Amino acid sequence: MTTFAINRAATGSVSGFFASLLAAVANWNDARVTRNALSKLSDRELDDIGLCRGDIDGIVTRV
């Protein structure tokens, strides 16, 4: 007779909740860092990479 154990977190479990919460915080931080970095660039530097100040929020939401 073969015996095996399945160790998977159930859908909607507490560990799954904390994993998704951690991922959301990481995504928020990535967007914050990107927004700050782009905001520190001059208009000339933004133009060099094909952006303007109005594009920053759109870029950040895609990160």
PDB file of N, CA and C in Angstrom:
ATOM      1  N   MET A   1       0.842  -1.177   0.000  1.00  0.00           N
ATOM      2  CA  MET A   1       0.000   0.000   0.000  1.00  0.00           C
ATOM      3  C   MET A   1       0.889   1.243   0.000  1.00  0.00           C
ATOM      4  N   THR A   2       0.550   2.214  -0.818  1.00  0.00           N
ATOM      5  CA  THR A   2       1.339   3.440  -0.937  1.00  0.00           C
ATOM      6  C   THR A   2       0.686   4.538  -0.104  1.00  0.00           C
ATOM      7  N   THR A   3       1.522   5.227   0.629  1.00  0.00           N
ATOM      8  CA  THR A   3       1.042   6.336   1.454  1.00  0.00           C
ATOM      9  C   THR A   3       1.776   7.604   1.045  1.00  0.00           C
ATOM     10  N   PHE A   4       1.043   8.677   0.884  1.00  0.00           N
ATOM     11  CA  PHE A   4       1.689   9.946   0.576  1.00  0.00           C
ATOM     12  C   PHE A   4       0.910  11.060   1.253  1.00  0.00           C
ATOM     13  N   ALA A   5       1.611  12.157   1.482  1.00  0.00           N
ATOM     14  CA  ALA A   5       0.991  13.309   2.127  1.00  0.00           C
ATOM     15  C   ALA A   5       0.941  14.468   1.143  1.00  0.00           C
ATOM     16  N   ILE A   6      -0.135  15.170   1.163  1.00  0.00           N
ATOM     17  CA  ILE A   6      -0.274  16.359   0.329  1.00  0.00           C
ATOM     18  C   ILE A   6      -0.249  17.559   1.264  1.00  0.00           C
ATOM     19  N   ASN A   7       0.751  18.392   1.074  1.00  0.00           N
ATOM     20  CA  ASN A   7       0.898  19.585   1.906  1.00  0.00           C
ATOM     21  C   ASN A   7       0.658  20.827   1.056  1.00  0.00           C
ATOM     22  N   ARG A   8      -0.577  21.174   0.879  1.00  0.00           N
ATOM     23  CA  ARG A   8      -0.948  22.373   0.141  1.00  0.00           C
ATOM     24  C   ARG A   8      -1.840  23.215   1.016  1.00  0.00           C
ATOM     25  N   ALA A   9      -1.673  24.539   0.874  1.00  0.00           N
ATOM     26  CA  ALA A   9      -2.544  25.445   1.603  1.00  0.00           C
ATOM     27  C   ALA A   9      -3.912  25.444   0.931  1.00  0.00           C
ATOM     28  N   ALA A  10      -4.917  25.395   1.721  1.00  0.00           N
ATOM     29  CA  ALA A  10      -6.274  25.432   1.186  1.00  0.00           C
ATOM     30  C   ALA A  10      -6.552  26.811   0.594  1.00  0.00           C
ATOM     31  N   THR A  11      -7.369  26.848  -0.426  1.00  0.00           N
ATOM     32  CA  THR A  11      -7.731  28.115  -1.042  1.00  0.00           C
ATOM     33  C   THR A  11      -8.437  28.979  -0.008  1.00  0.00           C
ATOM     34  N   GLY A  12      -7.993  30.223   0.086  1.00  0.00           N
ATOM     35  CA  GLY A  12      -8.595  31.132   1.041  1.00  0.00           C
ATOM     36  C   GLY A  12      -8.067  30.965   2.449  1.00  0.00           C
ATOM     37  N   SER A  13      -6.973  30.270   2.592  1.00  0.00           N
ATOM     38  CA  SER A  13      -6.432  30.047   3.925  1.00  0.00           C
ATOM     39  C   SER A  13      -5.741  31.302   4.447  1.00  0.00           C
ATOM     40  N   VAL A  14      -5.401  31.272   5.691  1.00  0.00           N
ATOM     41  CA  VAL A  14      -4.732  32.403   6.333  1.00  0.00           C
ATOM     42  C   VAL A  14      -3.374  32.648   5.686  1.00  0.00           C
ATOM     43  N   SER A  15      -2.630  31.597   5.382  1.00  0.00           N
ATOM     44  CA  SER A  15      -1.320  31.785   4.757  1.00  0.00           C
ATOM     45  C   SER A  15      -1.463  32.377   3.356  1.00  0.00           C
ATOM     46  N   GLY A  16      -2.501  31.996   2.638  1.00  0.00           N
ATOM     47  CA  GLY A  16      -2.763  32.576   1.324  1.00  0.00           C
ATOM     48  C   GLY A  16      -3.102  34.049   1.418  1.00  0.00           C
ATOM     49  N   PHE A  17      -3.834  34.411   2.453  1.00  0.00           N
ATOM     50  CA  PHE A  17      -4.183  35.811   2.681  1.00  0.00           C
ATOM     51  C   PHE A  17      -2.930  36.635   2.923  1.00  0.00           C
ATOM     52  N   PHE A  18      -2.050  36.143   3.789  1.00  0.00           N
ATOM     53  CA  PHE A  18      -0.839  36.889   4.093  1.00  0.00           C
ATOM     54  C   PHE A  18       0.106  36.936   2.898  1.00  0.00           C
ATOM     55  N   ALA A  19       0.125  35.903   2.083  1.00  0.00           N
ATOM     56  CA  ALA A  19       0.950  35.914   0.877  1.00  0.00           C
ATOM     57  C   ALA A  19       0.452  36.983  -0.102  1.00  0.00           C
ATOM     58  N   SER A  20      -0.865  37.080  -0.267  1.00  0.00           N
ATOM     59  CA  SER A  20      -1.401  38.092  -1.171  1.00  0.00           C
ATOM     60  C   SER A  20      -1.233  39.499  -0.587  1.00  0.00           C
ATOM     61  N   LEU A  21      -1.318  39.616   0.722  1.00  0.00           N
ATOM     62  CA  LEU A  21      -1.090  40.904   1.368  1.00  0.00           C
ATOM     63  C   LEU A  21       0.353  41.342   1.182  1.00  0.00           C
ATOM     64  N   LEU A  22       1.274  40.430   1.352  1.00  0.00           N
ATOM     65  CA  LEU A  22       2.690  40.732   1.157  1.00  0.00           C
ATOM     66  C   LEU A  22       2.968  41.128  -0.292  1.00  0.00           C
ATOM     67  N   ALA A  23       2.351  40.450  -1.242  1.00  0.00           N
ATOM     68  CA  ALA A  23       2.523  40.787  -2.655  1.00  0.00           C
ATOM     69  C   ALA A  23       1.969  42.180  -2.951  1.00  0.00           C
ATOM     70  N   ALA A  24       0.841  42.525  -2.354  1.00  0.00           N
ATOM     71  CA  ALA A  24       0.246  43.845  -2.568  1.00  0.00           C
ATOM     72  C   ALA A  24       1.150  44.940  -2.009  1.00  0.00           C
ATOM     73  N   VAL A  25       1.728  44.713  -0.851  1.00  0.00           N
ATOM     74  CA  VAL A  25       2.641  45.697  -0.253  1.00  0.00           C
ATOM     75  C   VAL A  25       3.899  45.838  -1.112  1.00  0.00           C
ATOM     76  N   ALA A  26       4.411  44.730  -1.627  1.00  0.00           N
ATOM     77  CA  ALA A  26       5.592  44.777  -2.491  1.00  0.00           C
ATOM     78  C   ALA A  26       5.291  45.552  -3.776  1.00  0.00           C
ATOM     79  N   ASN A  27       4.125  45.328  -4.367  1.00  0.00           N
ATOM     80  CA  ASN A  27       3.730  46.064  -5.577  1.00  0.00           C
ATOM     81  C   ASN A  27       3.576  47.552  -5.301  1.00  0.00           C
ATOM     82  N   TRP A  28       2.974  47.885  -4.170  1.00  0.00           N
ATOM     83  CA  TRP A  28       2.817  49.289  -3.786  1.00  0.00           C
ATOM     84  C   TRP A  28       4.179  49.944  -3.632  1.00  0.00           C
ATOM     85  N   ASN A  29       5.120  49.247  -2.989  1.00  0.00           N
ATOM     86  CA  ASN A  29       6.447  49.809  -2.776  1.00  0.00           C
ATOM     87  C   ASN A  29       7.180  49.989  -4.104  1.00  0.00           C
ATOM     88  N   ASP A  30       7.054  49.039  -5.007  1.00  0.00           N
ATOM     89  CA  ASP A  30       7.680  49.171  -6.328  1.00  0.00           C
ATOM     90  C   ASP A  30       7.147  50.402  -7.057  1.00  0.00           C
ATOM     91  N   ALA A  31       5.846  50.609  -6.994  1.00  0.00           N
ATOM     92  CA  ALA A  31       5.231  51.771  -7.643  1.00  0.00           C
ATOM     93  C   ALA A  31       5.713  53.065  -6.989  1.00  0.00           C
ATOM     94  N   ARG A  32       5.835  53.065  -5.677  1.00  0.00           N
ATOM     95  CA  ARG A  32       6.297  54.250  -4.948  1.00  0.00           C
ATOM     96  C   ARG A  32       7.728  54.599  -5.344  1.00  0.00           C
ATOM     97  N   VAL A  33       8.595  53.594  -5.394  1.00  0.00           N
ATOM     98  CA  VAL A  33      10.000  53.810  -5.745  1.00  0.00           C
ATOM     99  C   VAL A  33      10.109  54.319  -7.185  1.00  0.00           C
ATOM    100  N   THR A  34       9.338  53.740  -8.084  1.00  0.00           N
ATOM    101  CA  THR A  34       9.357  54.163  -9.490  1.00  0.00           C
ATOM    102  C   THR A  34       8.880  55.597  -9.624  1.00  0.00           C
ATOM    103  N   ARG A  35       7.769  55.925  -8.947  1.00  0.00           N
ATOM    104  CA  ARG A  35       7.237  57.293  -9.005  1.00  0.00           C
ATOM    105  C   ARG A  35       8.259  58.290  -8.480  1.00  0.00           C
ATOM    106  N   ASN A  36       8.903  57.971  -7.364  1.00  0.00           N
ATOM    107  CA  ASN A  36       9.901  58.883  -6.797  1.00  0.00           C
ATOM    108  C   ASN A  36      11.093  59.057  -7.723  1.00  0.00           C
ATOM    109  N   ALA A  37      11.565  57.971  -8.325  1.00  0.00           N
ATOM    110  CA  ALA A  37      12.718  58.050  -9.227  1.00  0.00           C
ATOM    111  C   ALA A  37      12.392  58.892 -10.457  1.00  0.00           C
ATOM    112  N   LEU A  38      11.221  58.662 -11.052  1.00  0.00           N
ATOM    113  CA  LEU A  38      10.847  59.432 -12.234  1.00  0.00           C
ATOM    114  C   LEU A  38      10.577  60.892 -11.892  1.00  0.00           C
ATOM    115  N   SER A  39      10.040  61.147 -10.724  1.00  0.00           N
ATOM    116  CA  SER A  39       9.738  62.519 -10.328  1.00  0.00           C
ATOM    117  C   SER A  39      11.010  63.329 -10.098  1.00  0.00           C
ATOM    118  N   LYS A  40      12.095  62.668  -9.754  1.00  0.00           N
ATOM    119  CA  LYS A  40      13.362  63.373  -9.517  1.00  0.00           C
ATOM    120  C   LYS A  40      14.076  63.753 -10.810  1.00  0.00           C
ATOM    121  N   LEU A  41      13.671  63.161 -11.945  1.00  0.00           N
ATOM    122  CA  LEU A  41      14.305  63.482 -13.214  1.00  0.00           C
ATOM    123  C   LEU A  41      13.859  64.854 -13.701  1.00  0.00           C
ATOM    124  N   SER A  42      14.754  65.524 -14.399  1.00  0.00           N
ATOM    125  CA  SER A  42      14.396  66.824 -14.985  1.00  0.00           C
ATOM    126  C   SER A  42      13.520  66.596 -16.213  1.00  0.00           C
ATOM    127  N   ASP A  43      12.893  67.670 -16.689  1.00  0.00           N
ATOM    128  CA  ASP A  43      12.065  67.569 -17.887  1.00  0.00           C
ATOM    129  C   ASP A  43      12.906  67.109 -19.078  1.00  0.00           C
ATOM    130  N   ARG A  44      14.124  67.563 -19.146  1.00  0.00           N
ATOM    131  CA  ARG A  44      15.036  67.166 -20.236  1.00  0.00           C
ATOM    132  C   ARG A  44      15.332  65.661 -20.165  1.00  0.00           C
ATOM    133  N   GLU A  45      15.591  65.155 -18.964  1.00  0.00           N
ATOM    134  CA  GLU A  45      15.874  63.724 -18.809  1.00  0.00           C
ATOM    135  C   GLU A  45      14.646  62.879 -19.145  1.00  0.00           C
ATOM    136  N   LEU A  46      13.491  63.341 -18.724  1.00  0.00           N
ATOM    137  CA  LEU A  46      12.255  62.628 -19.072  1.00  0.00           C
ATOM    138  C   LEU A  46      12.048  62.619 -20.581  1.00  0.00           C
ATOM    139  N   ASP A  47      12.324  63.755 -21.233  1.00  0.00           N
ATOM    140  CA  ASP A  47      12.181  63.835 -22.684  1.00  0.00           C
ATOM    141  C   ASP A  47      13.163  62.879 -23.376  1.00  0.00           C
ATOM    142  N   ASP A  48      14.345  62.725 -22.819  1.00  0.00           N
ATOM    143  CA  ASP A  48      15.339  61.808 -23.390  1.00  0.00           C
ATOM    144  C   ASP A  48      14.845  60.362 -23.420  1.00  0.00           C
ATOM    145  N   ILE A  49      14.029  59.994 -22.445  1.00  0.00           N
ATOM    146  CA  ILE A  49      13.517  58.617 -22.410  1.00  0.00           C
ATOM    147  C   ILE A  49      12.086  58.525 -22.953  1.00  0.00           C
ATOM    148  N   GLY A  50      11.629  59.627 -23.564  1.00  0.00           N
ATOM    149  CA  GLY A  50      10.338  59.615 -24.235  1.00  0.00           C
ATOM    150  C   GLY A  50       9.143  59.790 -23.328  1.00  0.00           C
ATOM    151  N   LEU A  51       9.335  60.453 -22.205  1.00  0.00           N
ATOM    152  CA  LEU A  51       8.235  60.675 -21.264  1.00  0.00           C
ATOM    153  C   LEU A  51       8.083  62.152 -20.974  1.00  0.00           C
ATOM    154  N   CYS A  52       6.935  62.506 -20.414  1.00  0.00           N
ATOM    155  CA  CYS A  52       6.729  63.840 -19.860  1.00  0.00           C
ATOM    156  C   CYS A  52       6.150  63.649 -18.454  1.00  0.00           C
ATOM    157  N   ARG A  53       6.069  64.722 -17.710  1.00  0.00           N
ATOM    158  CA  ARG A  53       5.595  64.620 -16.320  1.00  0.00           C
ATOM    159  C   ARG A  53       4.215  63.966 -16.225  1.00  0.00           C
ATOM    160  N   GLY A  54       3.371  64.225 -17.199  1.00  0.00           N
ATOM    161  CA  GLY A  54       2.021  63.665 -17.191  1.00  0.00           C
ATOM    162  C   GLY A  54       1.983  62.159 -17.390  1.00  0.00           C
ATOM    163  N   ASP A  55       3.068  61.594 -17.887  1.00  0.00           N
ATOM    164  CA  ASP A  55       3.122  60.150 -18.128  1.00  0.00           C
ATOM    165  C   ASP A  55       3.480  59.343 -16.876  1.00  0.00           C
ATOM    166  N   ILE A  56       3.990  60.008 -15.859  1.00  0.00           N
ATOM    167  CA  ILE A  56       4.521  59.288 -14.688  1.00  0.00           C
ATOM    168  C   ILE A  56       3.450  58.432 -14.022  1.00  0.00           C
ATOM    169  N   ASP A  57       2.277  58.991 -13.767  1.00  0.00           N
ATOM    170  CA  ASP A  57       1.227  58.204 -13.102  1.00  0.00           C
ATOM    171  C   ASP A  57       0.805  56.997 -13.930  1.00  0.00           C
ATOM    172  N   GLY A  58       0.743  57.161 -15.241  1.00  0.00           N
ATOM    173  CA  GLY A  58       0.382  56.044 -16.105  1.00  0.00           C
ATOM    174  C   GLY A  58       1.426  54.944 -16.095  1.00  0.00           C
ATOM    175  N   ILE A  59       2.687  55.336 -16.048  1.00  0.00           N
ATOM    176  CA  ILE A  59       3.777  54.357 -15.997  1.00  0.00           C
ATOM    177  C   ILE A  59       3.752  53.618 -14.669  1.00  0.00           C
ATOM    178  N   VAL A  60       3.521  54.346 -13.611  1.00  0.00           N
ATOM    179  CA  VAL A  60       3.542  53.750 -12.264  1.00  0.00           C
ATOM    180  C   VAL A  60       2.415  52.746 -12.086  1.00  0.00           C
ATOM    181  N   THR A  61       1.266  53.006 -12.662  1.00  0.00           N
ATOM    182  CA  THR A  61       0.151  52.067 -12.491  1.00  0.00           C
ATOM    183  C   THR A  61       0.381  50.771 -13.247  1.00  0.00           C
ATOM    184  N   ARG A  62       1.283  50.774 -14.221  1.00  0.00           N
ATOM    185  CA  ARG A  62       1.601  49.562 -14.966  1.00  0.00           C
ATOM    186  C   ARG A  62       2.714  48.754 -14.311  1.00  0.00           C
ATOM    187  N   VAL A  63       3.367  49.295 -13.306  1.00  0.00           N
ATOM    188  CA  VAL A  63       4.491  48.588 -12.660  1.00  0.00           C
ATOM    189  C   VAL A  63       4.017  47.458 -11.828  1.00  0.00           C
TER     190      VAL A  63
END
